[in-house]
Amino acid sequence: MAVFDEGTKFRAMVDFPGNTGFVEVEFSVTNNPMDQTNPAPAVTALEIAQAISAKAVAKGYPPLVFRGPQAAADLNP
């Protein structure tokens, strides 16, 4: 699996079955713990990608596969 830096932008696009529409999503995540002695849990790009893809699938879209800029590496293959 590819390793992505904080703040990396990810993008996915998928057509709705029957080609009656499409959805395109772009996001980035940067975690910045304010308290180094008791840091808040990080929210990962993979968690976000899986949640967005699951929501799209629930609405009838195929799974969204997000890609980062590193040689078009898949985040959630």
Protein backbone atom coordinates (compact mmCIF):
# COMPACT_ATOMS: atom_id res chain seq x y z
CA MET A 1 0.00 0.00 0.00
CA ALA A 2 1.26 3.48 -0.83
CA VAL A 3 2.24 5.91 1.95
CA PHE A 4 0.81 9.42 1.68
CA ASP A 5 1.93 12.60 3.44
CA GLU A 6 -0.38 14.67 5.64
CA GLY A 7 -2.37 17.10 3.49
CA THR A 8 -2.18 14.96 0.34
CA LYS A 9 -5.15 15.62 -1.95
CA PHE A 10 -7.17 12.60 -3.02
CA ARG A 11 -9.70 12.51 -5.86
CA ALA A 12 -12.28 10.05 -7.14
CA MET A 13 -14.95 10.15 -9.83
CA VAL A 14 -17.51 7.54 -10.80
CA ASP A 15 -20.47 7.44 -13.18
CA PHE A 16 -23.92 6.46 -11.97
CA PRO A 17 -25.13 3.24 -13.63
CA GLY A 18 -26.87 4.01 -16.91
CA ASN A 19 -24.67 7.09 -17.32
CA THR A 20 -27.38 9.40 -15.94
CA GLY A 21 -24.97 11.32 -13.74
CA PHE A 22 -21.70 11.16 -11.87
CA VAL A 23 -20.12 12.10 -8.57
CA GLU A 24 -16.66 13.58 -8.10
CA VAL A 25 -15.05 14.02 -4.69
CA GLU A 26 -11.76 15.59 -3.64
CA PHE A 27 -10.41 15.83 -0.10
CA SER A 28 -7.31 16.14 2.01
CA VAL A 29 -6.66 15.46 5.68
CA THR A 30 -4.23 17.08 8.07
CA ASN A 31 -4.13 15.96 11.69
CA ASN A 32 -2.65 18.47 14.11
CA PRO A 33 -2.62 17.28 17.73
CA MET A 34 -2.72 20.26 20.09
CA ASP A 35 -1.56 18.31 23.14
CA GLN A 36 1.48 16.15 22.46
CA THR A 37 1.20 14.39 25.84
CA ASN A 38 -2.37 13.22 25.16
CA PRO A 39 -2.92 13.60 21.40
CA ALA A 40 -6.36 13.26 19.89
CA PRO A 41 -6.88 10.17 17.71
CA ALA A 42 -5.94 10.77 14.09
CA VAL A 43 -8.57 10.59 11.35
CA THR A 44 -6.93 8.87 8.39
CA ALA A 45 -7.45 9.49 4.71
CA LEU A 46 -8.28 5.80 4.30
CA GLU A 47 -11.09 6.05 6.89
CA ILE A 48 -12.56 9.04 5.08
CA ALA A 49 -12.22 7.40 1.65
CA GLN A 50 -13.96 4.24 2.85
CA ALA A 51 -16.79 6.22 4.48
CA ILE A 52 -17.42 8.35 1.38
CA SER A 53 -17.30 5.32 -0.89
CA ALA A 54 -19.73 3.42 1.35
CA LYS A 55 -22.18 6.35 1.25
CA ALA A 56 -22.00 6.48 -2.57
CA VAL A 57 -22.53 2.69 -2.81
CA ALA A 58 -25.58 3.00 -0.53
CA LYS A 59 -27.03 5.44 -3.07
CA GLY A 60 -26.46 3.06 -6.01
CA TYR A 61 -23.06 4.23 -7.29
CA PRO A 62 -20.14 1.86 -7.86
CA PRO A 63 -17.39 2.11 -5.20
CA LEU A 64 -15.28 5.25 -5.36
CA VAL A 65 -11.54 4.57 -5.60
CA PHE A 66 -9.57 7.60 -4.43
CA ARG A 67 -6.20 8.32 -5.97
CA GLY A 68 -3.31 10.39 -4.71
CA PRO A 69 -0.69 12.15 -6.78
CA GLN A 70 2.09 9.59 -6.23
CA ALA A 71 1.99 7.85 -9.62
CA ALA A 72 -1.82 7.79 -9.36
CA ALA A 73 -1.58 5.39 -6.42
CA ASP A 74 -4.90 4.10 -5.09
CA LEU A 75 -5.72 4.94 -1.48
CA ASN A 76 -8.56 2.40 -1.10
CA PRO A 77 -8.15 -0.19 -3.86
